[in-house]
Amino acid sequence: MASRGFLRSHATLFSTVTPRLEFGAPSTKRSAQRSFVRYQQKYASLEVFAACVIVQVHANAGIQAVTSDIMRDTALLDSNSVALKPSI
């Protein structure tokens, strides 16, 4: 919950804010004191290839680090210049 809340609160630090941009269900790996929460980036419900955010959460101190490799500029997609539905 802490990781998702952090991403929502600081969305403008990571990418353009658009209602079509979202993060999928998290996958979590835990160690003794930390959790590493990975979110796959999605645009219009389609996964963005190799785009994810990893949030490191410490049991006592909250968010310790965020690593992101995500699509930041959605202008071409938002303008519908790129088709999101396959066609023949």
Protein backbone atom coordinates (compact mmCIF):
# COMPACT_ATOMS: atom_id res chain seq x y z
CA MET A 1 0.00 0.00 0.00
CA ALA A 2 2.81 2.40 0.85
CA SER A 3 4.44 1.93 -2.55
CA ARG A 4 1.22 2.53 -4.53
CA GLY A 5 0.41 5.60 -2.43
CA PHE A 6 3.89 6.98 -3.03
CA LEU A 7 3.56 6.55 -6.79
CA ARG A 8 0.16 8.28 -6.79
CA SER A 9 1.37 11.17 -4.63
CA HIS A 10 4.46 11.74 -6.75
CA ALA A 11 3.16 10.83 -10.21
CA THR A 12 4.49 13.99 -11.85
CA LEU A 13 8.06 13.06 -10.89
CA PHE A 14 7.91 9.92 -12.99
CA SER A 15 5.93 10.78 -16.13
CA THR A 16 3.22 12.82 -17.75
CA VAL A 17 -0.04 12.55 -15.83
CA THR A 18 -2.74 11.11 -18.08
CA PRO A 19 -5.73 8.94 -17.20
CA ARG A 20 -4.60 6.32 -19.74
CA LEU A 21 -1.29 5.71 -17.95
CA GLU A 22 -1.32 3.22 -15.08
CA PHE A 23 0.69 0.62 -13.22
CA GLY A 24 -0.40 -3.00 -13.15
CA ALA A 25 -0.76 -5.31 -10.18
CA PRO A 26 2.43 -5.36 -8.13
CA SER A 27 4.78 -8.28 -7.67
CA THR A 28 6.64 -8.28 -4.37
CA LYS A 29 9.88 -9.84 -3.15
CA ARG A 30 10.57 -9.66 0.56
CA SER A 31 13.73 -9.87 2.64
CA ALA A 32 14.15 -9.56 6.41
CA GLN A 33 13.75 -5.77 6.58
CA ARG A 34 12.70 -4.73 3.08
CA SER A 35 10.20 -5.35 0.36
CA PHE A 36 10.82 -4.72 -3.32
CA VAL A 37 7.58 -3.93 -5.11
CA ARG A 38 7.61 -4.04 -8.93
CA TYR A 39 4.92 -2.42 -11.07
CA GLN A 40 4.62 -2.94 -14.84
CA GLN A 41 3.67 0.26 -16.65
CA LYS A 42 0.56 0.19 -18.82
CA TYR A 43 -0.92 2.62 -21.30
CA ALA A 44 -4.59 2.21 -22.21
CA SER A 45 -4.46 -1.22 -20.52
CA LEU A 46 -1.57 -2.33 -22.78
CA GLU A 47 1.75 -3.24 -21.16
CA VAL A 48 4.59 -0.90 -22.12
CA PHE A 49 7.45 -3.20 -23.13
CA ALA A 50 10.18 -3.39 -20.44
CA ALA A 51 8.78 -0.39 -18.54
CA CYS A 52 8.57 -0.83 -14.80
CA VAL A 53 8.99 0.88 -11.45
CA ILE A 54 10.57 -0.84 -8.45
CA VAL A 55 9.84 0.65 -5.04
CA GLN A 56 12.00 -0.39 -2.09
CA VAL A 57 10.03 -0.24 1.16
CA HIS A 58 11.72 -0.63 4.55
CA ALA A 59 9.65 -2.18 7.34
CA ASN A 60 10.17 0.80 9.71
CA ALA A 61 11.25 3.74 7.58
CA GLY A 62 8.79 3.59 4.69
CA ILE A 63 9.96 4.26 1.12
CA GLN A 64 13.73 4.02 0.78
CA ALA A 65 14.28 4.07 -2.97
CA VAL A 66 12.48 4.11 -6.30
CA THR A 67 14.00 2.89 -9.55
CA SER A 68 12.07 3.57 -12.72
CA ASP A 69 12.58 2.76 -16.35
CA ILE A 70 9.27 3.89 -17.76
CA MET A 71 7.80 5.79 -20.67
CA ARG A 72 7.74 9.42 -19.55
CA ASP A 73 6.31 11.30 -22.54
CA THR A 74 2.91 10.13 -23.73
CA ALA A 75 2.19 13.01 -26.14
CA LEU A 76 2.21 10.86 -29.32
CA LEU A 77 -0.08 8.28 -27.77
CA ASP A 78 -2.39 10.89 -26.21
CA SER A 79 -2.81 12.60 -29.59
CA ASN A 80 -3.84 9.28 -31.18
CA SER A 81 -0.95 9.58 -33.69
CA VAL A 82 -0.05 5.97 -32.92
CA ALA A 83 -2.68 3.26 -33.31
CA LEU A 84 -3.14 1.07 -30.25
CA LYS A 85 -5.35 -1.50 -31.98
CA PRO A 86 -3.74 -3.96 -34.38
CA SER A 87 -4.97 -4.05 -37.95
CA ILE A 88 -4.18 -5.89 -41.15
